[in-house]
């Protein structure tokens, strides 16, 4: 692995999943104090991970039926209009 990747700055990220209802918003992962995952439509309540790598790693550990994925927090905040 090139050394440039080892010193890259971390960018906060969240984990999201698409809702099955076409009229519903995306849902974001909230990890409780005991590590139990729940889902919310409120981006401000979502668990923020230190980097896309950490968010992706956590998403891959979730049950496969959820089809969750990591998203850069800054881009998601811009799209949702949350500041």
PDB file of N, CA and C in Angstrom:
ATOM      1  N   UNK A   1       0.841  -1.168   0.000  1.00  0.00           N
ATOM      2  CA  UNK A   1       0.000   0.000   0.000  1.00  0.00           C
ATOM      3  C   UNK A   1       0.890   1.236   0.000  1.00  0.00           C
ATOM      4  N   UNK A   2       0.616   2.207  -0.872  1.00  0.00           N
ATOM      5  CA  UNK A   2       1.431   3.423  -0.901  1.00  0.00           C
ATOM      6  C   UNK A   2       1.323   4.199   0.405  1.00  0.00           C
ATOM      7  N   UNK A   3       2.408   4.834   0.790  1.00  0.00           N
ATOM      8  CA  UNK A   3       2.448   5.579   2.044  1.00  0.00           C
ATOM      9  C   UNK A   3       1.473   6.750   2.044  1.00  0.00           C
ATOM     10  N   UNK A   4       1.123   7.288   0.877  1.00  0.00           N
ATOM     11  CA  UNK A   4       0.194   8.414   0.804  1.00  0.00           C
ATOM     12  C   UNK A   4      -1.155   8.050   1.409  1.00  0.00           C
ATOM     13  N   UNK A   5      -1.578   6.807   1.268  1.00  0.00           N
ATOM     14  CA  UNK A   5      -2.868   6.382   1.827  1.00  0.00           C
ATOM     15  C   UNK A   5      -2.811   6.261   3.344  1.00  0.00           C
ATOM     16  N   UNK A   6      -1.666   6.012   3.890  1.00  0.00           N
ATOM     17  CA  UNK A   6      -1.544   5.844   5.334  1.00  0.00           C
ATOM     18  C   UNK A   6      -1.712   7.162   6.076  1.00  0.00           C
ATOM     19  N   UNK A   7      -1.352   8.274   5.431  1.00  0.00           N
ATOM     20  CA  UNK A   7      -1.434   9.586   6.063  1.00  0.00           C
ATOM     21  C   UNK A   7      -2.611  10.409   5.558  1.00  0.00           C
ATOM     22  N   UNK A   8      -3.534   9.803   4.831  1.00  0.00           N
ATOM     23  CA  UNK A   8      -4.680  10.541   4.300  1.00  0.00           C
ATOM     24  C   UNK A   8      -5.582  10.984   5.442  1.00  0.00           C
ATOM     25  N   UNK A   9      -6.130  12.209   5.339  1.00  0.00           N
ATOM     26  CA  UNK A   9      -7.017  12.680   6.405  1.00  0.00           C
ATOM     27  C   UNK A   9      -8.314  11.882   6.424  1.00  0.00           C
ATOM     28  N   UNK A  10      -8.832  11.668   7.606  1.00  0.00           N
ATOM     29  CA  UNK A  10     -10.099  10.949   7.749  1.00  0.00           C
ATOM     30  C   UNK A  10     -11.251  11.912   7.529  1.00  0.00           C
ATOM     31  N   UNK A  11     -12.290  11.452   6.875  1.00  0.00           N
ATOM     32  CA  UNK A  11     -13.486  12.241   6.638  1.00  0.00           C
ATOM     33  C   UNK A  11     -14.655  11.515   7.289  1.00  0.00           C
ATOM     34  N   UNK A  12     -15.418  12.196   8.135  1.00  0.00           N
ATOM     35  CA  UNK A  12     -16.544  11.545   8.807  1.00  0.00           C
ATOM     36  C   UNK A  12     -17.524  10.941   7.805  1.00  0.00           C
ATOM     37  N   UNK A  13     -18.150   9.844   8.210  1.00  0.00           N
ATOM     38  CA  UNK A  13     -19.090   9.143   7.346  1.00  0.00           C
ATOM     39  C   UNK A  13     -20.212   8.554   8.187  1.00  0.00           C
ATOM     40  N   UNK A  14     -21.323   8.264   7.538  1.00  0.00           N
ATOM     41  CA  UNK A  14     -22.457   7.606   8.176  1.00  0.00           C
ATOM     42  C   UNK A  14     -22.804   6.360   7.382  1.00  0.00           C
ATOM     43  N   UNK A  15     -23.645   5.521   7.956  1.00  0.00           N
ATOM     44  CA  UNK A  15     -24.125   4.335   7.259  1.00  0.00           C
ATOM     45  C   UNK A  15     -25.593   4.552   6.947  1.00  0.00           C
ATOM     46  N   UNK A  16     -25.962   4.296   5.698  1.00  0.00           N
ATOM     47  CA  UNK A  16     -27.344   4.483   5.262  1.00  0.00           C
ATOM     48  C   UNK A  16     -27.843   3.228   4.574  1.00  0.00           C
ATOM     49  N   UNK A  17     -29.156   3.126   4.508  1.00  0.00           N
ATOM     50  CA  UNK A  17     -29.786   2.073   3.725  1.00  0.00           C
ATOM     51  C   UNK A  17     -31.027   2.673   3.075  1.00  0.00           C
ATOM     52  N   UNK A  18     -31.351   2.153   1.910  1.00  0.00           N
ATOM     53  CA  UNK A  18     -32.550   2.604   1.218  1.00  0.00           C
ATOM     54  C   UNK A  18     -33.775   1.997   1.871  1.00  0.00           C
ATOM     55  N   UNK A  19     -34.815   2.779   1.997  1.00  0.00           N
ATOM     56  CA  UNK A  19     -36.074   2.257   2.516  1.00  0.00           C
ATOM     57  C   UNK A  19     -36.755   1.472   1.398  1.00  0.00           C
ATOM     58  N   UNK A  20     -37.495   0.462   1.770  1.00  0.00           N
ATOM     59  CA  UNK A  20     -38.180  -0.356   0.774  1.00  0.00           C
ATOM     60  C   UNK A  20     -39.381   0.375   0.181  1.00  0.00           C
ATOM     61  N   UNK A  21     -39.953   1.313   0.910  1.00  0.00           N
ATOM     62  CA  UNK A  21     -41.077   2.109   0.440  1.00  0.00           C
ATOM     63  C   UNK A  21     -40.541   3.248  -0.428  1.00  0.00           C
ATOM     64  N   UNK A  22     -40.987   3.369  -1.687  1.00  0.00           N
ATOM     65  CA  UNK A  22     -40.440   4.411  -2.558  1.00  0.00           C
ATOM     66  C   UNK A  22     -40.718   5.829  -2.066  1.00  0.00           C
ATOM     67  N   UNK A  23     -41.722   6.007  -1.213  1.00  0.00           N
ATOM     68  CA  UNK A  23     -42.035   7.340  -0.693  1.00  0.00           C
ATOM     69  C   UNK A  23     -41.264   7.670   0.578  1.00  0.00           C
ATOM     70  N   UNK A  24     -40.573   6.711   1.136  1.00  0.00           N
ATOM     71  CA  UNK A  24     -39.838   6.920   2.387  1.00  0.00           C
ATOM     72  C   UNK A  24     -38.431   7.440   2.112  1.00  0.00           C
ATOM     73  N   UNK A  25     -37.888   8.117   3.097  1.00  0.00           N
ATOM     74  CA  UNK A  25     -36.518   8.632   2.999  1.00  0.00           C
ATOM     75  C   UNK A  25     -35.525   7.526   3.338  1.00  0.00           C
ATOM     76  N   UNK A  26     -34.255   7.789   3.036  1.00  0.00           N
ATOM     77  CA  UNK A  26     -33.215   6.854   3.455  1.00  0.00           C
ATOM     78  C   UNK A  26     -33.181   6.792   4.973  1.00  0.00           C
ATOM     79  N   UNK A  27     -32.676   5.674   5.481  1.00  0.00           N
ATOM     80  CA  UNK A  27     -32.541   5.502   6.916  1.00  0.00           C
ATOM     81  C   UNK A  27     -31.060   5.444   7.257  1.00  0.00           C
ATOM     82  N   UNK A  28     -30.717   5.977   8.422  1.00  0.00           N
ATOM     83  CA  UNK A  28     -29.328   6.049   8.862  1.00  0.00           C
ATOM     84  C   UNK A  28     -29.142   5.218  10.128  1.00  0.00           C
ATOM     85  N   UNK A  29     -27.979   4.622  10.240  1.00  0.00           N
ATOM     86  CA  UNK A  29     -27.673   3.751  11.373  1.00  0.00           C
ATOM     87  C   UNK A  29     -27.415   4.551  12.639  1.00  0.00           C
ATOM     88  N   UNK A  30     -28.008   4.074  13.724  1.00  0.00           N
ATOM     89  CA  UNK A  30     -27.742   4.600  15.061  1.00  0.00           C
ATOM     90  C   UNK A  30     -27.288   3.416  15.895  1.00  0.00           C
ATOM     91  N   UNK A  31     -26.069   3.486  16.403  1.00  0.00           N
ATOM     92  CA  UNK A  31     -25.571   2.438  17.290  1.00  0.00           C
ATOM     93  C   UNK A  31     -25.828   2.853  18.729  1.00  0.00           C
ATOM     94  N   UNK A  32     -26.575   2.036  19.445  1.00  0.00           N
ATOM     95  CA  UNK A  32     -26.868   2.315  20.846  1.00  0.00           C
ATOM     96  C   UNK A  32     -25.647   2.095  21.720  1.00  0.00           C
ATOM     97  N   UNK A  33     -25.748   2.453  23.009  1.00  0.00           N
ATOM     98  CA  UNK A  33     -24.613   2.298  23.920  1.00  0.00           C
ATOM     99  C   UNK A  33     -24.116   0.857  24.022  1.00  0.00           C
ATOM    100  N   UNK A  34     -25.016  -0.085  23.841  1.00  0.00           N
ATOM    101  CA  UNK A  34     -24.615  -1.493  23.913  1.00  0.00           C
ATOM    102  C   UNK A  34     -24.290  -2.075  22.540  1.00  0.00           C
ATOM    103  N   UNK A  35     -24.238  -1.218  21.504  1.00  0.00           N
ATOM    104  CA  UNK A  35     -23.872  -1.662  20.170  1.00  0.00           C
ATOM    105  C   UNK A  35     -25.013  -2.192  19.322  1.00  0.00           C
ATOM    106  N   UNK A  36     -26.243  -2.108  19.836  1.00  0.00           N
ATOM    107  CA  UNK A  36     -27.399  -2.598  19.086  1.00  0.00           C
ATOM    108  C   UNK A  36     -27.746  -1.591  17.986  1.00  0.00           C
ATOM    109  N   UNK A  37     -27.822  -2.036  16.724  1.00  0.00           N
ATOM    110  CA  UNK A  37     -28.139  -1.111  15.640  1.00  0.00           C
ATOM    111  C   UNK A  37     -29.641  -0.843  15.536  1.00  0.00           C
ATOM    112  N   UNK A  38     -29.987   0.425  15.360  1.00  0.00           N
ATOM    113  CA  UNK A  38     -31.353   0.835  15.041  1.00  0.00           C
ATOM    114  C   UNK A  38     -31.257   1.795  13.863  1.00  0.00           C
ATOM    115  N   UNK A  39     -32.372   2.122  13.274  1.00  0.00           N
ATOM    116  CA  UNK A  39     -32.382   2.969  12.078  1.00  0.00           C
ATOM    117  C   UNK A  39     -33.275   4.180  12.300  1.00  0.00           C
ATOM    118  N   UNK A  40     -32.872   5.328  11.753  1.00  0.00           N
ATOM    119  CA  UNK A  40     -33.630   6.562  11.860  1.00  0.00           C
ATOM    120  C   UNK A  40     -33.595   7.302  10.526  1.00  0.00           C
ATOM    121  N   UNK A  41     -34.632   8.088  10.271  1.00  0.00           N
ATOM    122  CA  UNK A  41     -34.647   8.925   9.074  1.00  0.00           C
ATOM    123  C   UNK A  41     -33.958  10.264   9.333  1.00  0.00           C
ATOM    124  N   UNK A  42     -33.624  10.546  10.588  1.00  0.00           N
ATOM    125  CA  UNK A  42     -32.991  11.806  10.977  1.00  0.00           C
ATOM    126  C   UNK A  42     -31.471  11.685  10.897  1.00  0.00           C
ATOM    127  N   UNK A  43     -30.881  12.361   9.938  1.00  0.00           N
ATOM    128  CA  UNK A  43     -29.428  12.305   9.756  1.00  0.00           C
ATOM    129  C   UNK A  43     -28.688  12.816  10.982  1.00  0.00           C
ATOM    130  N   UNK A  44     -29.248  13.807  11.676  1.00  0.00           N
ATOM    131  CA  UNK A  44     -28.581  14.371  12.854  1.00  0.00           C
ATOM    132  C   UNK A  44     -28.468  13.363  13.990  1.00  0.00           C
ATOM    133  N   UNK A  45     -29.321  12.355  14.012  1.00  0.00           N
ATOM    134  CA  UNK A  45     -29.264  11.340  15.055  1.00  0.00           C
ATOM    135  C   UNK A  45     -28.405  10.142  14.701  1.00  0.00           C
ATOM    136  N   UNK A  46     -27.879  10.125  13.486  1.00  0.00           N
ATOM    137  CA  UNK A  46     -27.089   8.984  13.020  1.00  0.00           C
ATOM    138  C   UNK A  46     -25.726   8.936  13.701  1.00  0.00           C
ATOM    139  N   UNK A  47     -25.201   7.735  13.816  1.00  0.00           N
ATOM    140  CA  UNK A  47     -23.854   7.544  14.347  1.00  0.00           C
ATOM    141  C   UNK A  47     -22.846   7.950  13.284  1.00  0.00           C
ATOM    142  N   UNK A  48     -21.954   8.861  13.626  1.00  0.00           N
ATOM    143  CA  UNK A  48     -20.911   9.297  12.700  1.00  0.00           C
ATOM    144  C   UNK A  48     -19.651   8.475  12.957  1.00  0.00           C
ATOM    145  N   UNK A  49     -19.059   7.975  11.894  1.00  0.00           N
ATOM    146  CA  UNK A  49     -17.815   7.211  11.973  1.00  0.00           C
ATOM    147  C   UNK A  49     -16.663   8.118  11.560  1.00  0.00           C
ATOM    148  N   UNK A  50     -15.482   7.819  12.032  1.00  0.00           N
ATOM    149  CA  UNK A  50     -14.314   8.669  11.799  1.00  0.00           C
ATOM    150  C   UNK A  50     -13.911   8.743  10.335  1.00  0.00           C
ATOM    151  N   UNK A  51     -14.222   7.703   9.554  1.00  0.00           N
ATOM    152  CA  UNK A  51     -13.798   7.678   8.159  1.00  0.00           C
ATOM    153  C   UNK A  51     -14.723   6.776   7.345  1.00  0.00           C
ATOM    154  N   UNK A  52     -14.618   6.886   6.042  1.00  0.00           N
ATOM    155  CA  UNK A  52     -15.372   5.996   5.154  1.00  0.00           C
ATOM    156  C   UNK A  52     -14.957   4.553   5.388  1.00  0.00           C
ATOM    157  N   UNK A  53     -13.693   4.349   5.669  1.00  0.00           N
ATOM    158  CA  UNK A  53     -13.209   2.995   5.920  1.00  0.00           C
ATOM    159  C   UNK A  53     -13.915   2.380   7.122  1.00  0.00           C
ATOM    160  N   UNK A  54     -14.016   3.139   8.214  1.00  0.00           N
ATOM    161  CA  UNK A  54     -14.681   2.632   9.416  1.00  0.00           C
ATOM    162  C   UNK A  54     -16.176   2.431   9.176  1.00  0.00           C
ATOM    163  N   UNK A  55     -16.807   3.331   8.440  1.00  0.00           N
ATOM    164  CA  UNK A  55     -18.233   3.190   8.140  1.00  0.00           C
ATOM    165  C   UNK A  55     -18.479   1.959   7.273  1.00  0.00           C
ATOM    166  N   UNK A  56     -17.647   1.763   6.276  1.00  0.00           N
ATOM    167  CA  UNK A  56     -17.800   0.600   5.403  1.00  0.00           C
ATOM    168  C   UNK A  56     -17.563  -0.688   6.180  1.00  0.00           C
ATOM    169  N   UNK A  57     -16.568  -0.691   7.038  1.00  0.00           N
ATOM    170  CA  UNK A  57     -16.286  -1.871   7.860  1.00  0.00           C
ATOM    171  C   UNK A  57     -17.496  -2.204   8.744  1.00  0.00           C
ATOM    172  N   UNK A  58     -18.089  -1.198   9.362  1.00  0.00           N
ATOM    173  CA  UNK A  58     -19.263  -1.422  10.208  1.00  0.00           C
ATOM    174  C   UNK A  58     -20.463  -1.867   9.373  1.00  0.00           C
ATOM    175  N   UNK A  59     -20.637  -1.304   8.188  1.00  0.00           N
ATOM    176  CA  UNK A  59     -21.761  -1.685   7.321  1.00  0.00           C
ATOM    177  C   UNK A  59     -21.645  -3.145   6.892  1.00  0.00           C
ATOM    178  N   UNK A  60     -20.441  -3.595   6.643  1.00  0.00           N
ATOM    179  CA  UNK A  60     -20.247  -4.981   6.222  1.00  0.00           C
ATOM    180  C   UNK A  60     -20.522  -5.968   7.353  1.00  0.00           C
ATOM    181  N   UNK A  61     -20.516  -5.510   8.575  1.00  0.00           N
ATOM    182  CA  UNK A  61     -20.795  -6.385   9.720  1.00  0.00           C
ATOM    183  C   UNK A  61     -22.288  -6.467  10.049  1.00  0.00           C
ATOM    184  N   UNK A  62     -23.102  -5.647   9.396  1.00  0.00           N
ATOM    185  CA  UNK A  62     -24.550  -5.671   9.619  1.00  0.00           C
ATOM    186  C   UNK A  62     -25.169  -6.846   8.874  1.00  0.00           C
ATOM    187  N   UNK A  63     -26.372  -7.274   9.272  1.00  0.00           N
ATOM    188  CA  UNK A  63     -27.043  -8.345   8.532  1.00  0.00           C
ATOM    189  C   UNK A  63     -27.223  -7.965   7.060  1.00  0.00           C
ATOM    190  N   UNK A  64     -27.047  -8.930   6.179  1.00  0.00           N
ATOM    191  CA  UNK A  64     -27.105  -8.679   4.746  1.00  0.00           C
ATOM    192  C   UNK A  64     -28.436  -8.189   4.239  1.00  0.00           C
ATOM    193  N   UNK A  65     -29.513  -8.484   4.926  1.00  0.00           N
ATOM    194  CA  UNK A  65     -30.839  -8.065   4.475  1.00  0.00           C
ATOM    195  C   UNK A  65     -30.988  -6.545   4.496  1.00  0.00           C
ATOM    196  N   UNK A  66     -30.163  -5.850   5.284  1.00  0.00           N
ATOM    197  CA  UNK A  66     -30.268  -4.402   5.377  1.00  0.00           C
ATOM    198  C   UNK A  66     -29.705  -3.665   4.192  1.00  0.00           C
ATOM    199  N   UNK A  67     -28.759  -4.263   3.486  1.00  0.00           N
ATOM    200  CA  UNK A  67     -28.092  -3.645   2.341  1.00  0.00           C
ATOM    201  C   UNK A  67     -27.631  -2.227   2.647  1.00  0.00           C
ATOM    202  N   UNK A  68     -26.893  -2.081   3.713  1.00  0.00           N
ATOM    203  CA  UNK A  68     -26.407  -0.777   4.142  1.00  0.00           C
ATOM    204  C   UNK A  68     -25.062  -0.461   3.500  1.00  0.00           C
ATOM    205  N   UNK A  69     -24.740   0.821   3.446  1.00  0.00           N
ATOM    206  CA  UNK A  69     -23.480   1.258   2.841  1.00  0.00           C
ATOM    207  C   UNK A  69     -23.036   2.545   3.501  1.00  0.00           C
ATOM    208  N   UNK A  70     -21.746   2.841   3.406  1.00  0.00           N
ATOM    209  CA  UNK A  70     -21.195   4.064   3.977  1.00  0.00           C
ATOM    210  C   UNK A  70     -21.335   5.236   3.025  1.00  0.00           C
ATOM    211  N   UNK A  71     -21.583   6.425   3.580  1.00  0.00           N
ATOM    212  CA  UNK A  71     -21.678   7.664   2.812  1.00  0.00           C
ATOM    213  C   UNK A  71     -20.845   8.739   3.488  1.00  0.00           C
ATOM    214  N   UNK A  72     -20.171   9.591   2.712  1.00  0.00           N
ATOM    215  CA  UNK A  72     -19.448  10.701   3.323  1.00  0.00           C
ATOM    216  C   UNK A  72     -20.437  11.627   4.032  1.00  0.00           C
ATOM    217  N   UNK A  73     -20.176  11.966   5.261  1.00  0.00           N
ATOM    218  CA  UNK A  73     -21.103  12.777   6.041  1.00  0.00           C
ATOM    219  C   UNK A  73     -21.274  14.166   5.442  1.00  0.00           C
ATOM    220  N   UNK A  74     -20.208  14.795   4.989  1.00  0.00           N
ATOM    221  CA  UNK A  74     -20.309  16.151   4.455  1.00  0.00           C
ATOM    222  C   UNK A  74     -21.205  16.204   3.221  1.00  0.00           C
ATOM    223  N   UNK A  75     -21.096  15.234   2.341  1.00  0.00           N
ATOM    224  CA  UNK A  75     -21.941  15.202   1.149  1.00  0.00           C
ATOM    225  C   UNK A  75     -23.382  14.942   1.514  1.00  0.00           C
ATOM    226  N   UNK A  76     -23.624  14.067   2.451  1.00  0.00           N
ATOM    227  CA  UNK A  76     -24.988  13.757   2.866  1.00  0.00           C
ATOM    228  C   UNK A  76     -25.631  14.954   3.573  1.00  0.00           C
ATOM    229  N   UNK A  77     -24.875  15.666   4.366  1.00  0.00           N
ATOM    230  CA  UNK A  77     -25.400  16.871   5.016  1.00  0.00           C
ATOM    231  C   UNK A  77     -25.776  17.919   3.973  1.00  0.00           C
ATOM    232  N   UNK A  78     -24.978  18.050   2.947  1.00  0.00           N
ATOM    233  CA  UNK A  78     -25.266  19.031   1.887  1.00  0.00           C
ATOM    234  C   UNK A  78     -26.545  18.658   1.141  1.00  0.00           C
ATOM    235  N   UNK A  79     -26.722  17.398   0.844  1.00  0.00           N
ATOM    236  CA  UNK A  79     -27.912  16.949   0.116  1.00  0.00           C
ATOM    237  C   UNK A  79     -29.169  17.114   0.957  1.00  0.00           C
ATOM    238  N   UNK A  80     -29.067  16.813   2.236  1.00  0.00           N
ATOM    239  CA  UNK A  80     -30.230  16.869   3.130  1.00  0.00           C
ATOM    240  C   UNK A  80     -30.501  18.286   3.637  1.00  0.00           C
ATOM    241  N   UNK A  81     -29.571  19.190   3.430  1.00  0.00           N
ATOM    242  CA  UNK A  81     -29.756  20.555   3.913  1.00  0.00           C
ATOM    243  C   UNK A  81     -29.629  20.691   5.418  1.00  0.00           C
ATOM    244  N   UNK A  82     -28.949  19.755   6.070  1.00  0.00           N
ATOM    245  CA  UNK A  82     -28.764  19.790   7.520  1.00  0.00           C
ATOM    246  C   UNK A  82     -27.411  20.430   7.798  1.00  0.00           C
ATOM    247  N   UNK A  83     -27.389  21.433   8.645  1.00  0.00           N
ATOM    248  CA  UNK A  83     -26.121  22.094   8.950  1.00  0.00           C
ATOM    249  C   UNK A  83     -25.907  22.171  10.419  1.00  0.00           C
TER     250      UNK A  83
END
